[in-house]
Amino acid sequence: MNYFKYYSANPKASSEEILAPLRYHSLRYVSADQFNDPYDSKCFFETLDGERDDSLSDTINRHLRIASMSRNPHSPIMWAHYSTNHAGYVMGYNLIELPSKAVDYEDIKPFCYSTSAIREAILKETPNVTSSELADVMKQHLLSNDSYMQYLMDAIFTKHLDWKYEEEHRFIDVNLGGIPDKYIDLDIGVINVRAILLGYKFDHEKLDNELKEIINHVYGGSIEVYKAELSLERYEMKFKPYEL
């Protein structure tokens, strides 16, 4: 296994809903505006009145869907944040052929691109342009500007050091024509799903029967099942084989 994804287990959801990613061996790609870091994938630019605007970050939301994976299934913090306080599960995958990139973690400030040079060039070419026209033209210049587009890409794959514990890798699905849905579920195939790690507070009474049926009928009993427990040596979750 080379990648892991944390899944939630809403107590109000049915067992079918909770275990749907396992049954359909799917991987969910979402728009960047659904991420829990408000700075994630944001690239600001200076407006005419000196304010900071991130509206061009919508370019990312229109054309990209991102699946966030981790190299680390042991983090108690991620189990708490992303797996319903340890009641969910983690799926382990072998994903070699799908395009991905590791997130870089740096002590960064928010990405902010200076538009003064672009603004001066536009005014030199069209000195009679109105303020509203200048704002629209400036946005078009930014979208065709290699330097700004590199800023956008850096914003997708760079996060603050505070998030380093996630050890995140991002898988990208691109559609230049635009993607209308906030998320897409891609079938990655049975062969790429290698294991399921059940949370420390996993509801076995509610979910074990559904889980066993999926593993036997969809995966032919070949998928590995583990149960999380507390490590007494380190601050992390450890796993032992679990028999259904």
Protein backbone atom coordinates (compact mmCIF):
# COMPACT_ATOMS: atom_id res chain seq x y z
CA MET A 1 0.00 0.00 0.00
CA ASN A 2 1.35 3.41 -0.86
CA TYR A 3 -1.56 5.80 -0.18
CA PHE A 4 -4.26 6.08 2.46
CA LYS A 5 -7.55 7.95 2.59
CA TYR A 6 -9.59 8.70 5.71
CA TYR A 7 -13.36 8.24 5.54
CA SER A 8 -16.05 9.46 7.90
CA ALA A 9 -18.92 7.47 9.45
CA ASN A 10 -21.85 9.78 10.09
CA PRO A 11 -23.90 8.07 12.84
CA LYS A 12 -27.10 9.11 11.03
CA ALA A 13 -26.01 7.49 7.75
CA SER A 14 -26.83 3.93 6.78
CA SER A 15 -24.19 1.22 6.63
CA GLU A 16 -24.56 1.26 2.83
CA GLU A 17 -23.78 4.98 2.69
CA ILE A 18 -20.85 4.76 5.07
CA LEU A 19 -19.17 1.90 3.22
CA ALA A 20 -20.03 3.05 -0.33
CA PRO A 21 -16.40 4.00 -1.21
CA LEU A 22 -15.35 0.44 -0.39
CA ARG A 23 -18.23 -1.23 -2.25
CA TYR A 24 -17.72 0.84 -5.40
CA HIS A 25 -13.88 1.00 -5.13
CA SER A 26 -14.19 4.69 -5.82
CA LEU A 27 -12.03 7.69 -5.07
CA ARG A 28 -13.70 11.07 -4.53
CA TYR A 29 -12.23 14.15 -6.17
CA VAL A 30 -13.57 17.48 -4.84
CA SER A 31 -13.32 21.16 -5.73
CA ALA A 32 -10.71 23.11 -3.78
CA ASP A 33 -13.30 25.38 -2.19
CA GLN A 34 -14.41 22.42 -0.05
CA PHE A 35 -11.05 22.08 1.72
CA ASN A 36 -10.90 22.83 5.44
CA ASP A 37 -7.92 25.19 5.15
CA PRO A 38 -9.29 28.62 4.09
CA TYR A 39 -5.94 29.46 2.44
CA ASP A 40 -5.80 26.23 0.46
CA SER A 41 -5.42 26.72 -3.32
CA LYS A 42 -5.97 30.48 -2.96
CA CYS A 43 -3.91 32.96 -4.95
CA PHE A 44 -4.69 36.61 -4.24
CA PHE A 45 -3.94 39.58 -6.47
CA GLU A 46 -3.98 43.32 -5.89
CA THR A 47 -7.05 45.17 -7.13
CA LEU A 48 -7.10 48.77 -8.35
CA ASP A 49 -7.97 50.08 -4.90
CA GLY A 50 -5.21 48.11 -3.19
CA GLU A 51 -7.43 45.33 -1.85
CA ARG A 52 -6.67 41.64 -2.19
CA ASP A 53 -8.91 39.57 -4.44
CA ASP A 54 -8.95 35.77 -4.79
CA SER A 55 -11.69 35.50 -7.43
CA LEU A 56 -9.31 34.06 -10.02
CA SER A 57 -8.78 31.07 -7.74
CA ASP A 58 -12.17 30.01 -9.11
CA THR A 59 -10.19 28.90 -12.16
CA ILE A 60 -9.04 25.99 -10.00
CA ASN A 61 -12.59 25.26 -8.87
CA ARG A 62 -13.92 25.29 -12.43
CA HIS A 63 -11.35 23.03 -14.03
CA LEU A 64 -9.78 20.84 -11.34
CA ARG A 65 -10.99 18.19 -8.93
CA ILE A 66 -8.55 17.02 -6.29
CA ALA A 67 -8.35 13.79 -4.29
CA SER A 68 -6.37 14.22 -1.08
CA MET A 69 -4.45 11.16 0.12
CA SER A 70 -1.96 10.59 2.90
CA ARG A 71 1.12 8.49 3.44
CA ASN A 72 0.27 8.27 7.14
CA PRO A 73 -2.60 6.11 8.48
CA HIS A 74 -1.35 6.34 12.08
CA SER A 75 -2.22 9.95 12.96
CA PRO A 76 -4.67 10.29 15.90
CA ILE A 77 -5.32 13.87 14.75
CA MET A 78 -6.40 12.84 11.25
CA TRP A 79 -8.51 10.02 12.63
CA ALA A 80 -10.25 12.62 14.80
CA HIS A 81 -10.67 15.24 12.04
CA TYR A 82 -11.52 13.12 9.01
CA SER A 83 -12.89 9.85 10.39
CA THR A 84 -15.61 11.01 12.75
CA ASN A 85 -13.52 10.96 15.91
CA HIS A 86 -12.08 7.49 15.18
CA ALA A 87 -15.47 5.95 14.29
CA GLY A 88 -14.72 5.88 10.55
CA TYR A 89 -12.11 3.98 8.57
CA VAL A 90 -9.09 4.35 6.33
CA MET A 91 -8.68 2.66 2.98
CA GLY A 92 -5.24 1.63 1.76
CA TYR A 93 -4.53 1.82 -1.97
CA ASN A 94 -1.87 0.91 -4.49
CA LEU A 95 -2.01 3.85 -6.88
CA ILE A 96 0.94 3.85 -9.23
CA GLU A 97 -0.47 5.03 -12.55
CA LEU A 98 -2.69 7.91 -11.40
CA PRO A 99 -1.00 11.35 -11.65
CA SER A 100 -0.19 12.81 -8.25
CA LYS A 101 2.16 15.18 -6.48
CA ALA A 102 3.27 15.50 -2.87
CA VAL A 103 2.24 18.64 -1.06
CA ASP A 104 5.12 20.89 0.03
CA TYR A 105 4.97 22.32 3.55
CA GLU A 106 6.58 25.69 4.14
CA ASP A 107 6.43 28.59 6.57
CA ILE A 108 4.58 30.63 3.95
CA LYS A 109 2.49 33.74 3.78
CA PRO A 110 -0.72 33.71 1.69
CA PHE A 111 0.05 33.69 -2.03
CA CYS A 112 -0.35 37.27 -3.26
CA TYR A 113 0.62 38.30 -6.79
CA SER A 114 1.59 41.90 -7.52
CA THR A 115 -0.31 43.35 -10.49
CA SER A 116 1.41 46.73 -10.64
CA ALA A 117 3.45 45.89 -13.77
CA ILE A 118 0.39 44.49 -15.58
CA ARG A 119 -1.68 47.50 -14.57
CA GLU A 120 0.97 49.93 -15.87
CA ALA A 121 1.29 48.05 -19.17
CA ILE A 122 -2.48 48.16 -19.75
CA LEU A 123 -2.67 51.88 -18.98
CA LYS A 124 0.21 52.55 -21.35
CA GLU A 125 -1.54 50.67 -24.17
CA THR A 126 -5.03 52.04 -23.48
CA PRO A 127 -4.75 55.23 -21.40
CA ASN A 128 -8.49 55.99 -21.70
CA VAL A 129 -9.66 52.68 -20.21
CA THR A 130 -12.23 53.02 -17.41
CA SER A 131 -11.67 51.54 -13.95
CA SER A 132 -14.21 48.74 -14.52
CA GLU A 133 -12.73 47.93 -17.94
CA LEU A 134 -9.23 47.95 -16.49
CA ALA A 135 -10.22 45.45 -13.81
CA ASP A 136 -11.67 43.04 -16.41
CA VAL A 137 -8.68 43.41 -18.75
CA MET A 138 -6.29 42.87 -15.85
CA LYS A 139 -7.99 39.58 -14.95
CA GLN A 140 -7.68 38.40 -18.56
CA HIS A 141 -3.99 39.31 -18.54
CA LEU A 142 -3.47 37.35 -15.34
CA LEU A 143 -5.11 34.23 -16.75
CA SER A 144 -2.72 34.33 -19.72
CA ASN A 145 0.30 35.21 -17.59
CA ASP A 146 2.68 32.27 -17.07
CA SER A 147 4.02 33.71 -13.82
CA TYR A 148 0.56 34.09 -12.28
CA MET A 149 -0.53 30.63 -13.44
CA GLN A 150 2.58 29.21 -11.77
CA TYR A 151 1.45 31.00 -8.59
CA LEU A 152 -1.88 29.20 -8.90
CA MET A 153 -0.16 25.82 -9.26
CA ASP A 154 2.11 26.58 -6.30
CA ALA A 155 -0.99 27.42 -4.25
CA ILE A 156 -2.47 23.99 -5.02
CA PHE A 157 0.62 22.05 -3.93
CA THR A 158 1.97 24.20 -1.08
CA LYS A 159 0.52 24.40 2.43
CA HIS A 160 1.64 25.94 5.68
CA LEU A 161 3.86 23.94 8.03
CA ASP A 162 0.93 23.60 10.43
CA TRP A 163 -0.45 20.90 8.08
CA LYS A 164 2.75 18.88 7.71
CA TYR A 165 1.48 16.01 9.86
CA GLU A 166 -0.98 15.10 7.07
CA GLU A 167 1.81 13.96 4.69
CA GLU A 168 -0.59 14.74 1.87
CA HIS A 169 -0.39 13.74 -1.77
CA ARG A 170 -2.85 15.19 -4.27
CA PHE A 171 -4.33 13.41 -7.24
CA ILE A 172 -5.64 15.79 -9.91
CA ASP A 173 -8.41 15.38 -12.45
CA VAL A 174 -8.40 18.17 -15.06
CA ASN A 175 -11.11 19.15 -17.52
CA LEU A 176 -10.34 22.25 -19.60
CA GLY A 177 -14.00 22.52 -20.54
CA GLY A 178 -14.99 22.95 -16.91
CA ILE A 179 -16.48 20.60 -14.30
CA PRO A 180 -20.01 21.47 -13.14
CA ASP A 181 -20.17 19.14 -10.13
CA LYS A 182 -18.53 19.91 -6.80
CA TYR A 183 -17.17 16.38 -6.69
CA ILE A 184 -16.70 13.34 -8.89
CA ASP A 185 -16.30 9.70 -7.83
CA LEU A 186 -13.84 7.80 -10.01
CA ASP A 187 -13.79 3.99 -10.12
CA ILE A 188 -10.16 3.06 -9.52
CA GLY A 189 -10.73 -0.70 -9.81
CA VAL A 190 -10.85 -3.52 -7.27
CA ILE A 191 -7.20 -4.37 -7.78
CA ASN A 192 -6.04 -0.99 -6.44
CA VAL A 193 -7.84 -1.30 -3.09
CA ARG A 194 -5.58 -3.29 -0.78
CA ALA A 195 -6.85 -2.87 2.80
CA ILE A 196 -9.35 -1.27 5.12
CA LEU A 197 -8.31 -0.02 8.56
CA LEU A 198 -11.20 0.22 11.01
CA GLY A 199 -11.24 3.04 13.51
CA TYR A 200 -10.68 2.66 17.24
CA LYS A 201 -14.40 3.51 17.78
CA PHE A 202 -15.74 1.76 14.68
CA ASP A 203 -19.37 0.65 15.13
CA HIS A 204 -18.94 -3.10 14.58
CA GLU A 205 -22.52 -3.93 15.52
CA LYS A 206 -23.87 -1.64 12.81
CA LEU A 207 -21.28 -2.12 10.09
CA ASP A 208 -19.61 -5.54 10.30
CA ASN A 209 -22.28 -7.47 8.37
CA GLU A 210 -22.23 -4.98 5.48
CA LEU A 211 -18.44 -4.92 5.57
CA LYS A 212 -18.17 -8.70 5.42
CA GLU A 213 -20.62 -8.92 2.51
CA ILE A 214 -18.65 -6.33 0.51
CA ILE A 215 -15.30 -7.98 1.15
CA ASN A 216 -16.55 -11.44 0.18
CA HIS A 217 -18.66 -10.53 -2.86
CA VAL A 218 -16.82 -7.53 -4.30
CA TYR A 219 -13.23 -8.40 -3.40
CA GLY A 220 -13.47 -12.17 -3.21
CA GLY A 221 -12.23 -12.10 0.37
CA SER A 222 -8.81 -10.86 -0.71
CA ILE A 223 -8.78 -7.44 0.94
CA GLU A 224 -6.91 -7.10 4.25
CA VAL A 225 -8.84 -5.87 7.31
CA TYR A 226 -7.20 -4.24 10.32
CA LYS A 227 -8.43 -2.73 13.56
CA ALA A 228 -6.91 0.42 15.05
CA GLU A 229 -5.80 0.43 18.66
CA LEU A 230 -3.76 2.75 20.87
CA SER A 231 0.00 2.37 20.80
CA LEU A 232 1.63 2.35 24.23
CA GLU A 233 5.05 3.21 22.80
CA ARG A 234 4.29 6.27 20.65
CA TYR A 235 1.55 8.85 20.14
CA GLU A 236 -0.03 7.07 17.19
CA MET A 237 -2.57 4.46 16.21
CA LYS A 238 -1.34 0.96 15.50
CA PHE A 239 -3.18 -1.86 13.74
CA LYS A 240 -3.79 -5.55 14.16
CA PRO A 241 -5.56 -7.98 11.81
CA TYR A 242 -9.31 -8.12 12.34
CA GLU A 243 -11.45 -11.18 11.72
CA LEU A 244 -15.02 -10.60 10.54
